[in-house]
Amino acid sequence: MLYAEAVSTLGAENPFKPAWCLSAQVDAPSAAVCSTAQGDNYTRFEFPGDAHGMMLISPEIEPNPLELILDFLAQVLG
């Protein structure tokens, strides 16, 4: 299943399930995948540079990706 299809499937559930995507602008594969999804349940965060994966976990990046991940978990898990 493609990422955009997975996001759409999550958005069609009742209640919908959120999907977030974090990527750097110059991280071509990740930024491209993040740009394919859409929906009321979807939030995209794009950061400057080319950081990928764990390289985004840095206190200098704003909004702080680690805080975003914790916010997402709090939203999903209650």
PDB file of N, CA and C in Angstrom:
ATOM      1  N   MET A   1       0.848  -1.171   0.000  1.00  0.00           N
ATOM      2  CA  MET A   1       0.000   0.000   0.000  1.00  0.00           C
ATOM      3  C   MET A   1       0.899   1.241   0.000  1.00  0.00           C
ATOM      4  N   LEU A   2       0.580   2.186  -0.837  1.00  0.00           N
ATOM      5  CA  LEU A   2       1.310   3.441  -0.879  1.00  0.00           C
ATOM      6  C   LEU A   2       0.961   4.304   0.334  1.00  0.00           C
ATOM      7  N   TYR A   3       1.877   5.196   0.695  1.00  0.00           N
ATOM      8  CA  TYR A   3       1.676   6.039   1.873  1.00  0.00           C
ATOM      9  C   TYR A   3       0.381   6.841   1.768  1.00  0.00           C
ATOM     10  N   ALA A   4       0.141   7.472   0.623  1.00  0.00           N
ATOM     11  CA  ALA A   4      -1.072   8.282   0.448  1.00  0.00           C
ATOM     12  C   ALA A   4      -2.328   7.436   0.631  1.00  0.00           C
ATOM     13  N   GLU A   5      -2.295   6.195   0.174  1.00  0.00           N
ATOM     14  CA  GLU A   5      -3.443   5.299   0.349  1.00  0.00           C
ATOM     15  C   GLU A   5      -3.634   4.957   1.826  1.00  0.00           C
ATOM     16  N   ALA A   6      -2.539   4.734   2.534  1.00  0.00           N
ATOM     17  CA  ALA A   6      -2.635   4.419   3.966  1.00  0.00           C
ATOM     18  C   ALA A   6      -3.222   5.600   4.735  1.00  0.00           C
ATOM     19  N   VAL A   7      -2.790   6.817   4.408  1.00  0.00           N
ATOM     20  CA  VAL A   7      -3.326   8.012   5.063  1.00  0.00           C
ATOM     21  C   VAL A   7      -4.818   8.136   4.775  1.00  0.00           C
ATOM     22  N   SER A   8      -5.206   7.896   3.540  1.00  0.00           N
ATOM     23  CA  SER A   8      -6.615   7.974   3.153  1.00  0.00           C
ATOM     24  C   SER A   8      -7.444   6.926   3.899  1.00  0.00           C
ATOM     25  N   THR A   9      -6.927   5.727   4.021  1.00  0.00           N
ATOM     26  CA  THR A   9      -7.623   4.661   4.748  1.00  0.00           C
ATOM     27  C   THR A   9      -7.818   5.048   6.211  1.00  0.00           C
ATOM     28  N   LEU A  10      -6.782   5.599   6.826  1.00  0.00           N
ATOM     29  CA  LEU A  10      -6.889   6.037   8.222  1.00  0.00           C
ATOM     30  C   LEU A  10      -7.908   7.163   8.366  1.00  0.00           C
ATOM     31  N   GLY A  11      -7.969   8.035   7.371  1.00  0.00           N
ATOM     32  CA  GLY A  11      -8.907   9.153   7.408  1.00  0.00           C
ATOM     33  C   GLY A  11     -10.345   8.734   7.205  1.00  0.00           C
ATOM     34  N   ALA A  12     -10.561   7.573   6.604  1.00  0.00           N
ATOM     35  CA  ALA A  12     -11.913   7.095   6.342  1.00  0.00           C
ATOM     36  C   ALA A  12     -12.509   6.358   7.539  1.00  0.00           C
ATOM     37  N   GLU A  13     -11.688   6.035   8.521  1.00  0.00           N
ATOM     38  CA  GLU A  13     -12.194   5.331   9.700  1.00  0.00           C
ATOM     39  C   GLU A  13     -13.018   6.281  10.561  1.00  0.00           C
ATOM     40  N   ASN A  14     -13.899   5.711  11.376  1.00  0.00           N
ATOM     41  CA  ASN A  14     -14.743   6.511  12.238  1.00  0.00           C
ATOM     42  C   ASN A  14     -14.523   6.079  13.685  1.00  0.00           C
ATOM     43  N   PRO A  15     -13.925   6.896  14.522  1.00  0.00           N
ATOM     44  CA  PRO A  15     -13.373   8.209  14.188  1.00  0.00           C
ATOM     45  C   PRO A  15     -12.088   8.055  13.391  1.00  0.00           C
ATOM     46  N   PHE A  16     -11.752   9.104  12.625  1.00  0.00           N
ATOM     47  CA  PHE A  16     -10.553   9.019  11.795  1.00  0.00           C
ATOM     48  C   PHE A  16      -9.314   8.926  12.670  1.00  0.00           C
ATOM     49  N   LYS A  17      -8.282   8.355  12.106  1.00  0.00           N
ATOM     50  CA  LYS A  17      -7.000   8.247  12.799  1.00  0.00           C
ATOM     51  C   LYS A  17      -6.031   9.224  12.149  1.00  0.00           C
ATOM     52  N   PRO A  18      -5.305   9.978  12.960  1.00  0.00           N
ATOM     53  CA  PRO A  18      -4.390  10.969  12.403  1.00  0.00           C
ATOM     54  C   PRO A  18      -3.162  10.328  11.762  1.00  0.00           C
ATOM     55  N   ALA A  19      -2.585  11.043  10.825  1.00  0.00           N
ATOM     56  CA  ALA A  19      -1.326  10.653  10.188  1.00  0.00           C
ATOM     57  C   ALA A  19      -0.485  11.906  10.050  1.00  0.00           C
ATOM     58  N   TRP A  20       0.744  11.834  10.467  1.00  0.00           N
ATOM     59  CA  TRP A  20       1.674  12.950  10.359  1.00  0.00           C
ATOM     60  C   TRP A  20       2.891  12.481   9.582  1.00  0.00           C
ATOM     61  N   CYS A  21       3.504  13.396   8.851  1.00  0.00           N
ATOM     62  CA  CYS A  21       4.720  13.086   8.111  1.00  0.00           C
ATOM     63  C   CYS A  21       5.727  14.201   8.352  1.00  0.00           C
ATOM     64  N   LEU A  22       6.939  13.834   8.746  1.00  0.00           N
ATOM     65  CA  LEU A  22       8.015  14.775   8.970  1.00  0.00           C
ATOM     66  C   LEU A  22       9.110  14.504   7.956  1.00  0.00           C
ATOM     67  N   SER A  23       9.563  15.554   7.283  1.00  0.00           N
ATOM     68  CA  SER A  23      10.658  15.390   6.325  1.00  0.00           C
ATOM     69  C   SER A  23      11.402  16.695   6.158  1.00  0.00           C
ATOM     70  N   ALA A  24      12.594  16.605   5.616  1.00  0.00           N
ATOM     71  CA  ALA A  24      13.370  17.792   5.256  1.00  0.00           C
ATOM     72  C   ALA A  24      13.110  18.098   3.786  1.00  0.00           C
ATOM     73  N   GLN A  25      13.178  19.369   3.433  1.00  0.00           N
ATOM     74  CA  GLN A  25      12.883  19.805   2.066  1.00  0.00           C
ATOM     75  C   GLN A  25      13.760  19.132   1.025  1.00  0.00           C
ATOM     76  N   VAL A  26      15.033  18.908   1.357  1.00  0.00           N
ATOM     77  CA  VAL A  26      15.970  18.377   0.367  1.00  0.00           C
ATOM     78  C   VAL A  26      16.160  16.862   0.512  1.00  0.00           C
ATOM     79  N   ASP A  27      15.433  16.238   1.414  1.00  0.00           N
ATOM     80  CA  ASP A  27      15.438  14.770   1.527  1.00  0.00           C
ATOM     81  C   ASP A  27      14.449  14.260   0.492  1.00  0.00           C
ATOM     82  N   ALA A  28      14.920  14.154  -0.740  1.00  0.00           N
ATOM     83  CA  ALA A  28      14.040  13.903  -1.892  1.00  0.00           C
ATOM     84  C   ALA A  28      13.050  12.752  -1.695  1.00  0.00           C
ATOM     85  N   PRO A  29      13.497  11.566  -1.286  1.00  0.00           N
ATOM     86  CA  PRO A  29      12.512  10.479  -1.172  1.00  0.00           C
ATOM     87  C   PRO A  29      11.430  10.770  -0.134  1.00  0.00           C
ATOM     88  N   SER A  30      11.823  11.237   1.046  1.00  0.00           N
ATOM     89  CA  SER A  30      10.843  11.467   2.107  1.00  0.00           C
ATOM     90  C   SER A  30       9.926  12.641   1.794  1.00  0.00           C
ATOM     91  N   ALA A  31      10.498  13.744   1.324  1.00  0.00           N
ATOM     92  CA  ALA A  31       9.681  14.913   0.995  1.00  0.00           C
ATOM     93  C   ALA A  31       8.679  14.580  -0.104  1.00  0.00           C
ATOM     94  N   ALA A  32       9.105  13.779  -1.074  1.00  0.00           N
ATOM     95  CA  ALA A  32       8.202  13.396  -2.162  1.00  0.00           C
ATOM     96  C   ALA A  32       7.049  12.549  -1.645  1.00  0.00           C
ATOM     97  N   VAL A  33       7.343  11.602  -0.777  1.00  0.00           N
ATOM     98  CA  VAL A  33       6.293  10.736  -0.226  1.00  0.00           C
ATOM     99  C   VAL A  33       5.336  11.558   0.630  1.00  0.00           C
ATOM    100  N   CYS A  34       5.873  12.432   1.471  1.00  0.00           N
ATOM    101  CA  CYS A  34       5.018  13.257   2.328  1.00  0.00           C
ATOM    102  C   CYS A  34       4.087  14.136   1.498  1.00  0.00           C
ATOM    103  N   SER A  35       4.550  14.582   0.348  1.00  0.00           N
ATOM    104  CA  SER A  35       3.731  15.482  -0.474  1.00  0.00           C
ATOM    105  C   SER A  35       2.591  14.767  -1.188  1.00  0.00           C
ATOM    106  N   THR A  36       2.584  13.438  -1.193  1.00  0.00           N
ATOM    107  CA  THR A  36       1.534  12.702  -1.901  1.00  0.00           C
ATOM    108  C   THR A  36       0.255  12.558  -1.087  1.00  0.00           C
ATOM    109  N   ALA A  37       0.353  12.683   0.227  1.00  0.00           N
ATOM    110  CA  ALA A  37      -0.808  12.440   1.084  1.00  0.00           C
ATOM    111  C   ALA A  37      -1.583  13.731   1.338  1.00  0.00           C
ATOM    112  N   GLN A  38      -2.852  13.558   1.672  1.00  0.00           N
ATOM    113  CA  GLN A  38      -3.703  14.691   2.023  1.00  0.00           C
ATOM    114  C   GLN A  38      -4.905  14.189   2.805  1.00  0.00           C
ATOM    115  N   GLY A  39      -5.637  15.101   3.394  1.00  0.00           N
ATOM    116  CA  GLY A  39      -6.845  14.749   4.131  1.00  0.00           C
ATOM    117  C   GLY A  39      -6.934  15.518   5.425  1.00  0.00           C
ATOM    118  N   ASP A  40      -8.135  15.520   6.005  1.00  0.00           N
ATOM    119  CA  ASP A  40      -8.359  16.227   7.264  1.00  0.00           C
ATOM    120  C   ASP A  40      -7.573  15.595   8.413  1.00  0.00           C
ATOM    121  N   ASN A  41      -7.218  14.348   8.281  1.00  0.00           N
ATOM    122  CA  ASN A  41      -6.476  13.639   9.316  1.00  0.00           C
ATOM    123  C   ASN A  41      -4.968  13.755   9.139  1.00  0.00           C
ATOM    124  N   TYR A  42      -4.520  14.466   8.096  1.00  0.00           N
ATOM    125  CA  TYR A  42      -3.112  14.479   7.719  1.00  0.00           C
ATOM    126  C   TYR A  42      -2.447  15.810   8.040  1.00  0.00           C
ATOM    127  N   THR A  43      -1.284  15.736   8.679  1.00  0.00           N
ATOM    128  CA  THR A  43      -0.475  16.915   8.963  1.00  0.00           C
ATOM    129  C   THR A  43       0.937  16.653   8.477  1.00  0.00           C
ATOM    130  N   ARG A  44       1.448  17.598   7.717  1.00  0.00           N
ATOM    131  CA  ARG A  44       2.802  17.476   7.171  1.00  0.00           C
ATOM    132  C   ARG A  44       3.694  18.546   7.795  1.00  0.00           C
ATOM    133  N   PHE A  45       4.877  18.137   8.208  1.00  0.00           N
ATOM    134  CA  PHE A  45       5.889  19.049   8.728  1.00  0.00           C
ATOM    135  C   PHE A  45       7.115  18.930   7.836  1.00  0.00           C
ATOM    136  N   GLU A  46       7.512  20.046   7.253  1.00  0.00           N
ATOM    137  CA  GLU A  46       8.680  20.043   6.369  1.00  0.00           C
ATOM    138  C   GLU A  46       9.716  21.003   6.941  1.00  0.00           C
ATOM    139  N   PHE A  47      10.920  20.509   7.097  1.00  0.00           N
ATOM    140  CA  PHE A  47      12.000  21.276   7.699  1.00  0.00           C
ATOM    141  C   PHE A  47      13.038  21.647   6.642  1.00  0.00           C
ATOM    142  N   PRO A  48      13.747  22.743   6.842  1.00  0.00           N
ATOM    143  CA  PRO A  48      14.798  23.094   5.893  1.00  0.00           C
ATOM    144  C   PRO A  48      15.946  22.082   5.941  1.00  0.00           C
ATOM    145  N   GLY A  49      16.671  21.983   4.869  1.00  0.00           N
ATOM    146  CA  GLY A  49      17.857  21.127   4.833  1.00  0.00           C
ATOM    147  C   GLY A  49      17.595  19.765   4.251  1.00  0.00           C
ATOM    148  N   ASP A  50      18.525  18.834   4.563  1.00  0.00           N
ATOM    149  CA  ASP A  50      18.456  17.497   3.979  1.00  0.00           C
ATOM    150  C   ASP A  50      18.510  16.381   5.012  1.00  0.00           C
ATOM    151  N   ALA A  51      18.225  16.706   6.269  1.00  0.00           N
ATOM    152  CA  ALA A  51      18.259  15.693   7.329  1.00  0.00           C
ATOM    153  C   ALA A  51      17.259  14.578   7.026  1.00  0.00           C
ATOM    154  N   HIS A  52      17.624  13.356   7.413  1.00  0.00           N
ATOM    155  CA  HIS A  52      16.767  12.193   7.173  1.00  0.00           C
ATOM    156  C   HIS A  52      16.678  11.371   8.453  1.00  0.00           C
ATOM    157  N   GLY A  53      15.486  10.880   8.747  1.00  0.00           N
ATOM    158  CA  GLY A  53      15.300   9.981   9.880  1.00  0.00           C
ATOM    159  C   GLY A  53      15.734  10.592  11.198  1.00  0.00           C
ATOM    160  N   MET A  54      16.576   9.887  11.907  1.00  0.00           N
ATOM    161  CA  MET A  54      17.022  10.321  13.230  1.00  0.00           C
ATOM    162  C   MET A  54      17.823  11.618  13.192  1.00  0.00           C
ATOM    163  N   MET A  55      18.310  12.006  12.018  1.00  0.00           N
ATOM    164  CA  MET A  55      19.036  13.279  11.903  1.00  0.00           C
ATOM    165  C   MET A  55      18.089  14.457  12.159  1.00  0.00           C
ATOM    166  N   LEU A  56      16.789  14.239  12.042  1.00  0.00           N
ATOM    167  CA  LEU A  56      15.819  15.291  12.356  1.00  0.00           C
ATOM    168  C   LEU A  56      15.641  15.489  13.863  1.00  0.00           C
ATOM    169  N   ILE A  57      16.057  14.509  14.639  1.00  0.00           N
ATOM    170  CA  ILE A  57      15.901  14.604  16.089  1.00  0.00           C
ATOM    171  C   ILE A  57      17.047  15.450  16.630  1.00  0.00           C
ATOM    172  N   SER A  58      16.803  16.752  16.641  1.00  0.00           N
ATOM    173  CA  SER A  58      17.811  17.709  17.069  1.00  0.00           C
ATOM    174  C   SER A  58      17.106  18.873  17.767  1.00  0.00           C
ATOM    175  N   PRO A  59      17.602  19.281  18.934  1.00  0.00           N
ATOM    176  CA  PRO A  59      16.944  20.373  19.661  1.00  0.00           C
ATOM    177  C   PRO A  59      17.033  21.719  18.939  1.00  0.00           C
ATOM    178  N   GLU A  60      17.926  21.841  17.950  1.00  0.00           N
ATOM    179  CA  GLU A  60      18.061  23.100  17.221  1.00  0.00           C
ATOM    180  C   GLU A  60      16.971  23.296  16.170  1.00  0.00           C
ATOM    181  N   ILE A  61      16.286  22.239  15.785  1.00  0.00           N
ATOM    182  CA  ILE A  61      15.268  22.323  14.737  1.00  0.00           C
ATOM    183  C   ILE A  61      13.949  22.756  15.358  1.00  0.00           C
ATOM    184  N   GLU A  62      13.300  23.718  14.726  1.00  0.00           N
ATOM    185  CA  GLU A  62      11.999  24.203  15.198  1.00  0.00           C
ATOM    186  C   GLU A  62      10.958  24.081  14.097  1.00  0.00           C
ATOM    187  N   PRO A  63       9.754  23.595  14.398  1.00  0.00           N
ATOM    188  CA  PRO A  63       9.395  23.043  15.699  1.00  0.00           C
ATOM    189  C   PRO A  63      10.191  21.770  15.958  1.00  0.00           C
ATOM    190  N   ASN A  64      10.421  21.496  17.205  1.00  0.00           N
ATOM    191  CA  ASN A  64      11.259  20.369  17.594  1.00  0.00           C
ATOM    192  C   ASN A  64      10.603  19.047  17.184  1.00  0.00           C
ATOM    193  N   PRO A  65      11.246  18.291  16.279  1.00  0.00           N
ATOM    194  CA  PRO A  65      10.651  17.038  15.808  1.00  0.00           C
ATOM    195  C   PRO A  65      10.371  16.022  16.924  1.00  0.00           C
ATOM    196  N   LEU A  66      11.224  15.950  17.922  1.00  0.00           N
ATOM    197  CA  LEU A  66      10.974  15.009  19.018  1.00  0.00           C
ATOM    198  C   LEU A  66       9.709  15.404  19.775  1.00  0.00           C
ATOM    199  N   GLU A  67       9.526  16.701  20.002  1.00  0.00           N
ATOM    200  CA  GLU A  67       8.298  17.169  20.650  1.00  0.00           C
ATOM    201  C   GLU A  67       7.076  16.863  19.775  1.00  0.00           C
ATOM    202  N   LEU A  68       7.222  17.013  18.465  1.00  0.00           N
ATOM    203  CA  LEU A  68       6.115  16.686  17.561  1.00  0.00           C
ATOM    204  C   LEU A  68       5.743  15.209  17.660  1.00  0.00           C
ATOM    205  N   ILE A  69       6.755  14.353  17.730  1.00  0.00           N
ATOM    206  CA  ILE A  69       6.495  12.912  17.852  1.00  0.00           C
ATOM    207  C   ILE A  69       5.773  12.619  19.163  1.00  0.00           C
ATOM    208  N   LEU A  70       6.208  13.253  20.237  1.00  0.00           N
ATOM    209  CA  LEU A  70       5.537  13.065  21.523  1.00  0.00           C
ATOM    210  C   LEU A  70       4.111  13.594  21.485  1.00  0.00           C
ATOM    211  N   ASP A  71       3.896  14.733  20.826  1.00  0.00           N
ATOM    212  CA  ASP A  71       2.539  15.278  20.663  1.00  0.00           C
ATOM    213  C   ASP A  71       1.656  14.316  19.877  1.00  0.00           C
ATOM    214  N   PHE A  72       2.222  13.720  18.821  1.00  0.00           N
ATOM    215  CA  PHE A  72       1.470  12.761  18.009  1.00  0.00           C
ATOM    216  C   PHE A  72       1.083  11.548  18.851  1.00  0.00           C
ATOM    217  N   LEU A  73       2.027  11.026  19.599  1.00  0.00           N
ATOM    218  CA  LEU A  73       1.729   9.860  20.446  1.00  0.00           C
ATOM    219  C   LEU A  73       0.664  10.188  21.483  1.00  0.00           C
ATOM    220  N   ALA A  74       0.725  11.372  22.063  1.00  0.00           N
ATOM    221  CA  ALA A  74      -0.280  11.779  23.037  1.00  0.00           C
ATOM    222  C   ALA A  74      -1.660  11.872  22.375  1.00  0.00           C
ATOM    223  N   GLN A  75      -1.694  12.388  21.156  1.00  0.00           N
ATOM    224  CA  GLN A  75      -2.973  12.496  20.440  1.00  0.00           C
ATOM    225  C   GLN A  75      -3.537  11.115  20.105  1.00  0.00           C
ATOM    226  N   VAL A  76      -2.695  10.218  19.658  1.00  0.00           N
ATOM    227  CA  VAL A  76      -3.154   8.893  19.236  1.00  0.00           C
ATOM    228  C   VAL A  76      -3.489   7.999  20.430  1.00  0.00           C
ATOM    229  N   LEU A  77      -2.654   8.058  21.455  1.00  0.00           N
ATOM    230  CA  LEU A  77      -2.834   7.155  22.588  1.00  0.00           C
ATOM    231  C   LEU A  77      -3.677   7.744  23.708  1.00  0.00           C
ATOM    232  N   GLY A  78      -3.934   9.057  23.615  1.00  0.00           N
ATOM    233  CA  GLY A  78      -4.769   9.696  24.628  1.00  0.00           C
ATOM    234  C   GLY A  78      -4.010   9.948  25.842  1.00  0.00           C
TER     235      GLY A  78
END
